[in-house]
């Protein structure tokens, strides 16, 4: 009876441990940077704002065009200013048909000078497709150098591997037209 009680206590402890860690693991799985500095300021209040479209591929077609090669995609946000912070307010992930799949941020984050942040679309995600995308918004209190927004895709299967990048494109801007 003692062995049974000891075994049940150990099993119960393991179950509690996994139950306690599961929400944290789910919350951070798509956000490897994890240590974001959140802002109480809405980027809509900033005089300098842009909306950026970043193409992303959660899979690509291969062979006859009917087979899908699943990829992990990482969205990388990089503040290029050595002196000024920028604010990222929305990071939304859409499928090939333009349907919203996931909102990565609940509130704006601050990227300090030269800081970077990442968001991940895991390889097992099959909803996005070859035409998936991120739509994000960033802003600043004054004119700054434009941040870099890139997606990095990578996938491996058997002895095959593939990796490539895409660049974000400005789709809406109220920044002044002066060169940066």
Protein backbone atom coordinates (compact mmCIF):
# COMPACT_ATOMS: atom_id res chain seq x y z
CA UNK A 1 0.00 0.00 0.00
CA UNK A 2 2.90 2.37 0.74
CA UNK A 3 4.35 1.84 -2.74
CA UNK A 4 0.95 2.58 -4.29
CA UNK A 5 0.60 5.80 -2.23
CA UNK A 6 4.12 6.90 -3.11
CA UNK A 7 3.52 6.22 -6.79
CA UNK A 8 0.22 8.14 -6.75
CA UNK A 9 1.88 11.09 -4.96
CA UNK A 10 4.65 11.21 -7.57
CA UNK A 11 2.12 10.97 -10.41
CA UNK A 12 -0.01 13.73 -8.86
CA UNK A 13 3.07 15.93 -8.49
CA UNK A 14 3.97 15.44 -12.16
CA UNK A 15 0.43 16.24 -13.28
CA UNK A 16 0.39 19.43 -11.21
CA UNK A 17 3.80 20.44 -12.53
CA UNK A 18 2.72 20.02 -16.16
CA UNK A 19 -0.64 21.72 -15.58
CA UNK A 20 1.05 24.72 -14.01
CA UNK A 21 3.58 25.07 -16.82
CA UNK A 22 1.23 24.50 -19.75
CA UNK A 23 -0.34 28.00 -19.92
CA UNK A 24 3.09 29.66 -19.69
CA UNK A 25 4.44 27.42 -22.43
CA UNK A 26 1.43 28.18 -24.64
CA UNK A 27 1.73 31.91 -23.98
CA UNK A 28 5.41 32.08 -24.89
CA UNK A 29 5.68 29.45 -27.61
CA UNK A 30 4.95 31.95 -30.38
CA UNK A 31 7.03 34.74 -28.85
CA UNK A 32 10.61 33.59 -28.31
CA UNK A 33 11.82 37.05 -27.22
CA UNK A 34 9.51 36.71 -24.17
CA UNK A 35 10.91 39.75 -22.39
CA UNK A 36 8.97 42.46 -24.14
CA UNK A 37 8.76 45.92 -22.66
CA UNK A 38 5.07 46.76 -22.87
CA UNK A 39 3.85 50.33 -23.30
CA UNK A 40 0.70 51.95 -21.98
CA UNK A 41 0.78 54.37 -24.92
CA UNK A 42 -1.21 53.57 -28.04
CA UNK A 43 0.79 54.00 -31.25
CA UNK A 44 -2.20 55.75 -32.82
CA UNK A 45 -1.21 58.78 -30.73
CA UNK A 46 2.24 59.04 -32.33
CA UNK A 47 2.82 61.54 -35.14
CA UNK A 48 4.97 59.03 -37.07
CA UNK A 49 3.35 55.68 -37.89
CA UNK A 50 3.44 52.99 -40.55
CA UNK A 51 1.59 49.82 -41.38
CA UNK A 52 3.85 47.07 -42.73
CA UNK A 53 2.94 43.95 -44.73
CA UNK A 54 5.36 41.03 -44.39
CA UNK A 55 4.82 38.02 -46.68
CA UNK A 56 5.33 34.72 -44.92
CA UNK A 57 5.13 31.12 -46.04
CA UNK A 58 3.90 28.55 -43.53
CA UNK A 59 4.32 26.02 -46.30
CA UNK A 60 5.39 25.84 -49.92
CA UNK A 61 4.38 23.44 -52.65
CA UNK A 62 6.82 20.95 -54.08
CA UNK A 63 7.00 18.10 -56.53
CA UNK A 64 3.67 18.00 -58.43
CA UNK A 65 2.32 21.06 -56.64
CA UNK A 66 -0.04 18.97 -54.54
CA UNK A 67 2.45 18.20 -51.78
CA UNK A 68 3.13 20.77 -49.08
CA UNK A 69 6.50 21.31 -47.43
CA UNK A 70 5.77 22.75 -43.97
CA UNK A 71 7.98 25.59 -42.72
CA UNK A 72 8.66 27.41 -39.48
CA UNK A 73 8.44 31.16 -39.97
CA UNK A 74 10.03 33.76 -37.70
CA UNK A 75 8.99 37.39 -37.92
CA UNK A 76 11.95 39.55 -36.89
CA UNK A 77 11.43 43.18 -35.83
CA UNK A 78 14.64 45.21 -35.56
CA UNK A 79 14.96 48.77 -34.35
CA UNK A 80 17.73 50.25 -36.51
CA UNK A 81 18.10 53.46 -34.50
CA UNK A 82 21.12 53.64 -32.19
CA UNK A 83 19.46 56.45 -30.18
CA UNK A 84 15.64 56.23 -30.32
CA UNK A 85 13.01 53.72 -29.25
CA UNK A 86 10.20 52.65 -31.54
CA UNK A 87 6.82 51.19 -30.61
CA UNK A 88 5.14 48.19 -32.23
CA UNK A 89 1.41 48.15 -31.65
CA UNK A 90 -0.08 45.35 -33.70
CA UNK A 91 1.31 42.09 -35.01
CA UNK A 92 -1.43 40.11 -36.75
CA UNK A 93 -1.01 36.87 -38.70
CA UNK A 94 -3.30 36.14 -41.69
CA UNK A 95 -3.84 33.12 -43.91
CA UNK A 96 -3.68 33.00 -47.73
CA UNK A 97 -7.29 34.17 -47.96
CA UNK A 98 -6.80 37.20 -45.71
CA UNK A 99 -8.51 35.68 -42.66
CA UNK A 100 -7.00 36.59 -39.29
CA UNK A 101 -5.40 33.56 -37.63
CA UNK A 102 -3.65 35.05 -34.59
CA UNK A 103 -3.00 38.33 -32.80
CA UNK A 104 0.49 38.22 -31.32
CA UNK A 105 0.27 41.33 -29.13
CA UNK A 106 -2.42 42.49 -26.75
CA UNK A 107 -0.75 45.88 -26.27
CA UNK A 108 2.16 47.84 -27.75
CA UNK A 109 5.77 46.93 -27.07
CA UNK A 110 8.78 49.20 -26.98
CA UNK A 111 11.92 48.34 -28.93
CA UNK A 112 14.85 50.17 -27.37
CA UNK A 113 17.68 51.40 -29.61
CA UNK A 114 19.03 48.48 -31.68
CA UNK A 115 16.70 46.01 -29.91
CA UNK A 116 15.02 43.13 -31.77
CA UNK A 117 11.95 41.00 -31.12
CA UNK A 118 10.69 37.84 -32.78
CA UNK A 119 7.37 36.07 -33.29
CA UNK A 120 7.09 32.48 -34.55
CA UNK A 121 4.65 30.56 -36.71
CA UNK A 122 5.42 26.98 -35.77
CA UNK A 123 6.04 24.34 -38.42
CA UNK A 124 2.95 22.33 -37.48
CA UNK A 125 0.64 25.31 -38.25
CA UNK A 126 -1.22 24.40 -41.44
CA UNK A 127 -3.75 27.24 -41.73
CA UNK A 128 -1.55 30.02 -43.14
CA UNK A 129 -0.46 28.50 -46.40
CA UNK A 130 1.84 29.75 -49.12
CA UNK A 131 0.15 33.17 -49.14
CA UNK A 132 0.19 33.87 -45.39
CA UNK A 133 1.24 37.27 -44.08
CA UNK A 134 1.85 39.48 -41.10
CA UNK A 135 0.37 42.94 -40.85
CA UNK A 136 1.94 45.11 -38.19
CA UNK A 137 1.99 48.71 -37.10
CA UNK A 138 4.80 50.68 -35.61
CA UNK A 139 5.23 54.25 -34.50
CA UNK A 140 7.61 56.79 -33.02
CA UNK A 141 7.37 60.12 -31.24
CA UNK A 142 9.68 61.81 -33.77
CA UNK A 143 11.26 60.93 -37.13
CA UNK A 144 13.58 57.93 -36.75
CA UNK A 145 15.28 55.50 -39.10
CA UNK A 146 12.81 52.89 -40.33
CA UNK A 147 12.96 49.58 -38.45
CA UNK A 148 13.65 46.38 -40.39
CA UNK A 149 10.82 43.85 -40.62
CA UNK A 150 11.75 40.46 -42.08
CA UNK A 151 10.39 36.95 -42.11
CA UNK A 152 12.74 33.99 -42.06
CA UNK A 153 11.35 30.63 -43.17
CA UNK A 154 13.07 27.30 -42.57
CA UNK A 155 12.05 23.70 -42.96
CA UNK A 156 13.71 20.32 -42.92
CA UNK A 157 12.45 16.86 -43.81
CA UNK A 158 14.63 13.79 -44.20
CA UNK A 159 17.78 15.04 -45.93
CA UNK A 160 16.04 18.06 -47.49
CA UNK A 161 16.28 21.54 -46.05
CA UNK A 162 15.14 24.94 -47.21
CA UNK A 163 15.46 28.46 -45.85
CA UNK A 164 14.78 31.94 -47.22
CA UNK A 165 13.76 35.43 -46.13
CA UNK A 166 11.21 38.04 -47.11
CA UNK A 167 11.14 41.78 -46.44
CA UNK A 168 8.31 43.88 -45.07
CA UNK A 169 6.67 46.44 -47.35
CA UNK A 170 5.13 49.72 -46.25
CA UNK A 171 1.41 49.71 -47.13
CA UNK A 172 0.39 52.83 -45.24
CA UNK A 173 2.49 55.67 -43.88
CA UNK A 174 2.23 59.10 -42.41
CA UNK A 175 5.97 59.56 -42.11
CA UNK A 176 7.42 62.60 -43.79
CA UNK A 177 9.01 62.11 -47.18
CA UNK A 178 12.53 63.10 -46.10
CA UNK A 179 15.25 60.47 -46.75
CA UNK A 180 16.39 58.34 -43.84
